[in-house]
Amino acid sequence: VKFEITHPFNEIIECDCSMCTKKGFLHLIIKKENFKLLTPEKNLGNYQFNTKTAHHLFCKSCGICSFYIPRSHPDGFSVNARCVDDLDLTSIKRKKFAGSNWEENIDSLK
């Protein structure tokens, strides 16, 4: 999966929910207009659960989830910082998010 993003990399959100923890997903929340998918959409799978608001998109060939449309920001994307080439993850502030109790903590992301 290839994409281009334009975004100031000043914060990564580290969620403690079971899905993000198992996948190692580090969130860069970006606006829709700052994201350009270069891979044909037919190469992506879509996994939904619970409220079916989020679209967990993944590569049909390798299974990597490099970005998705999150329930918290359905008008944008959450890009996995680990999938951004040449991004020094140690240089960006990490914000902890208690996604294991999503409903109680979602306001902390806004």
C-alpha atoms as a PDB file:
ATOM      1  CA  VAL A   1       0.000   0.000   0.000  1.00  0.00           C
ATOM      2  CA  LYS A   2       1.407   3.332  -1.037  1.00  0.00           C
ATOM      3  CA  PHE A   3       0.187   6.760  -0.047  1.00  0.00           C
ATOM      4  CA  GLU A   4       1.378  10.336   0.324  1.00  0.00           C
ATOM      5  CA  ILE A   5       0.662  12.537   3.298  1.00  0.00           C
ATOM      6  CA  THR A   6       1.314  16.158   4.157  1.00  0.00           C
ATOM      7  CA  HIS A   7       1.126  16.646   7.868  1.00  0.00           C
ATOM      8  CA  PRO A   8       3.098  18.299  10.658  1.00  0.00           C
ATOM      9  CA  PHE A   9       4.502  15.413  12.661  1.00  0.00           C
ATOM     10  CA  ASN A  10       4.256  16.898  16.141  1.00  0.00           C
ATOM     11  CA  GLU A  11       2.319  14.163  17.959  1.00  0.00           C
ATOM     12  CA  ILE A  12       1.782  10.417  17.771  1.00  0.00           C
ATOM     13  CA  ILE A  13      -1.130   8.866  19.634  1.00  0.00           C
ATOM     14  CA  GLU A  14      -0.355   5.575  21.338  1.00  0.00           C
ATOM     15  CA  CYS A  15      -3.577   3.687  22.070  1.00  0.00           C
ATOM     16  CA  ASP A  16      -3.724   0.858  24.601  1.00  0.00           C
ATOM     17  CA  CYS A  17      -6.732  -0.987  23.117  1.00  0.00           C
ATOM     18  CA  SER A  18      -6.219  -4.635  22.243  1.00  0.00           C
ATOM     19  CA  MET A  19      -6.301  -4.005  18.487  1.00  0.00           C
ATOM     20  CA  CYS A  20      -3.746  -1.166  18.396  1.00  0.00           C
ATOM     21  CA  THR A  21      -1.486  -2.906  20.896  1.00  0.00           C
ATOM     22  CA  LYS A  22      -1.431  -6.177  18.947  1.00  0.00           C
ATOM     23  CA  LYS A  23      -0.869  -4.387  15.608  1.00  0.00           C
ATOM     24  CA  GLY A  24       1.697  -1.928  16.983  1.00  0.00           C
ATOM     25  CA  PHE A  25      -0.335   0.931  15.505  1.00  0.00           C
ATOM     26  CA  LEU A  26       0.937   4.440  16.316  1.00  0.00           C
ATOM     27  CA  HIS A  27      -1.614   7.031  15.189  1.00  0.00           C
ATOM     28  CA  LEU A  28      -0.955  10.143  13.141  1.00  0.00           C
ATOM     29  CA  ILE A  29      -4.389  11.736  12.826  1.00  0.00           C
ATOM     30  CA  ILE A  30      -4.617  13.703   9.597  1.00  0.00           C
ATOM     31  CA  LYS A  31      -7.268  15.508   7.576  1.00  0.00           C
ATOM     32  CA  LYS A  32      -8.668  13.877   4.446  1.00  0.00           C
ATOM     33  CA  GLU A  33      -7.190  16.553   2.198  1.00  0.00           C
ATOM     34  CA  ASN A  34      -3.688  15.754   3.523  1.00  0.00           C
ATOM     35  CA  PHE A  35      -3.871  12.121   2.382  1.00  0.00           C
ATOM     36  CA  LYS A  36      -3.490  10.719  -1.140  1.00  0.00           C
ATOM     37  CA  LEU A  37      -3.847   6.978  -1.774  1.00  0.00           C
ATOM     38  CA  LEU A  38      -1.506   5.837  -4.561  1.00  0.00           C
ATOM     39  CA  THR A  39      -2.497   2.159  -4.474  1.00  0.00           C
ATOM     40  CA  PRO A  40      -5.735   1.108  -6.206  1.00  0.00           C
ATOM     41  CA  GLU A  41      -8.561   0.742  -3.670  1.00  0.00           C
ATOM     42  CA  LYS A  42      -9.245  -2.787  -4.977  1.00  0.00           C
ATOM     43  CA  ASN A  43      -5.973  -3.845  -3.307  1.00  0.00           C
ATOM     44  CA  LEU A  44      -7.362  -2.951   0.135  1.00  0.00           C
ATOM     45  CA  GLY A  45      -9.463  -5.056   2.469  1.00  0.00           C
ATOM     46  CA  ASN A  46     -11.839  -3.484   4.965  1.00  0.00           C
ATOM     47  CA  TYR A  47     -12.484  -4.822   8.466  1.00  0.00           C
ATOM     48  CA  GLN A  48     -15.272  -3.390  10.629  1.00  0.00           C
ATOM     49  CA  PHE A  49     -16.534  -4.352  14.054  1.00  0.00           C
ATOM     50  CA  ASN A  50     -18.659  -3.060  16.954  1.00  0.00           C
ATOM     51  CA  THR A  51     -20.294   0.202  15.754  1.00  0.00           C
ATOM     52  CA  LYS A  52     -19.008  -0.350  12.192  1.00  0.00           C
ATOM     53  CA  THR A  53     -18.021   3.324  12.021  1.00  0.00           C
ATOM     54  CA  ALA A  54     -14.286   2.803  11.594  1.00  0.00           C
ATOM     55  CA  HIS A  55     -12.901   1.291   8.402  1.00  0.00           C
ATOM     56  CA  HIS A  56      -9.776  -0.728   9.232  1.00  0.00           C
ATOM     57  CA  LEU A  57      -8.165  -0.902   5.820  1.00  0.00           C
ATOM     58  CA  PHE A  58      -5.372  -3.354   5.120  1.00  0.00           C
ATOM     59  CA  CYS A  59      -3.275  -4.619   2.234  1.00  0.00           C
ATOM     60  CA  LYS A  60      -4.884  -7.722   0.676  1.00  0.00           C
ATOM     61  CA  SER A  61      -1.415  -9.061  -0.194  1.00  0.00           C
ATOM     62  CA  CYS A  62       0.479  -8.728   3.092  1.00  0.00           C
ATOM     63  CA  GLY A  63      -2.159  -7.812   5.706  1.00  0.00           C
ATOM     64  CA  ILE A  64      -0.453  -4.639   6.943  1.00  0.00           C
ATOM     65  CA  CYS A  65      -2.790  -1.922   8.209  1.00  0.00           C
ATOM     66  CA  SER A  66      -0.944   1.264   7.257  1.00  0.00           C
ATOM     67  CA  PHE A  67      -3.929   3.596   7.611  1.00  0.00           C
ATOM     68  CA  TYR A  68      -7.630   3.563   8.379  1.00  0.00           C
ATOM     69  CA  ILE A  69     -10.678   5.771   8.825  1.00  0.00           C
ATOM     70  CA  PRO A  70     -11.093   5.986  12.611  1.00  0.00           C
ATOM     71  CA  ARG A  71     -14.301   6.240  14.595  1.00  0.00           C
ATOM     72  CA  SER A  72     -12.768   9.185  16.476  1.00  0.00           C
ATOM     73  CA  HIS A  73     -12.117  11.163  13.261  1.00  0.00           C
ATOM     74  CA  PRO A  74     -14.429   9.774  10.539  1.00  0.00           C
ATOM     75  CA  ASP A  75     -13.702  12.790   8.333  1.00  0.00           C
ATOM     76  CA  GLY A  76      -9.978  11.995   8.204  1.00  0.00           C
ATOM     77  CA  PHE A  77      -7.439   9.222   8.498  1.00  0.00           C
ATOM     78  CA  SER A  78      -5.249   7.645  11.100  1.00  0.00           C
ATOM     79  CA  VAL A  79      -1.932   6.727   9.541  1.00  0.00           C
ATOM     80  CA  ASN A  80       0.320   4.213  11.260  1.00  0.00           C
ATOM     81  CA  ALA A  81       3.490   6.204  11.956  1.00  0.00           C
ATOM     82  CA  ARG A  82       5.444   2.944  11.677  1.00  0.00           C
ATOM     83  CA  CYS A  83       4.482   2.858   7.970  1.00  0.00           C
ATOM     84  CA  VAL A  84       5.813   6.318   7.117  1.00  0.00           C
ATOM     85  CA  ASP A  85       9.200   6.082   5.425  1.00  0.00           C
ATOM     86  CA  ASP A  86      12.117   7.932   7.033  1.00  0.00           C
ATOM     87  CA  LEU A  87      10.120   9.104  10.050  1.00  0.00           C
ATOM     88  CA  ASP A  88      12.169   9.145  13.266  1.00  0.00           C
ATOM     89  CA  LEU A  89       9.633   7.926  15.823  1.00  0.00           C
ATOM     90  CA  THR A  90      11.888   8.886  18.732  1.00  0.00           C
ATOM     91  CA  SER A  91      11.756  12.562  17.747  1.00  0.00           C
ATOM     92  CA  ILE A  92       7.971  12.929  18.000  1.00  0.00           C
ATOM     93  CA  LYS A  93       5.999  13.440  21.217  1.00  0.00           C
ATOM     94  CA  ARG A  94       3.769  10.489  22.128  1.00  0.00           C
ATOM     95  CA  LYS A  95       0.354  11.028  23.652  1.00  0.00           C
ATOM     96  CA  LYS A  96      -1.106   8.070  25.532  1.00  0.00           C
ATOM     97  CA  PHE A  97      -4.744   7.251  24.860  1.00  0.00           C
ATOM     98  CA  ALA A  98      -6.705   4.802  27.008  1.00  0.00           C
ATOM     99  CA  GLY A  99      -8.578   3.231  24.101  1.00  0.00           C
ATOM    100  CA  SER A 100      -9.295   0.176  26.217  1.00  0.00           C
ATOM    101  CA  ASN A 101     -12.019   2.438  27.704  1.00  0.00           C
ATOM    102  CA  TRP A 102     -12.798   4.275  24.472  1.00  0.00           C
ATOM    103  CA  GLU A 103     -16.168   5.808  25.362  1.00  0.00           C
ATOM    104  CA  GLU A 104     -14.908   7.238  28.656  1.00  0.00           C
ATOM    105  CA  ASN A 105     -11.723   8.703  27.133  1.00  0.00           C
ATOM    106  CA  ILE A 106     -12.552   9.844  23.594  1.00  0.00           C
ATOM    107  CA  ASP A 107     -12.880  13.505  24.637  1.00  0.00           C
ATOM    108  CA  SER A 108      -9.157  13.542  25.479  1.00  0.00           C
ATOM    109  CA  LEU A 109      -8.404  13.279  21.721  1.00  0.00           C
ATOM    110  CA  LYS A 110     -10.416  16.314  20.717  1.00  0.00           C
END
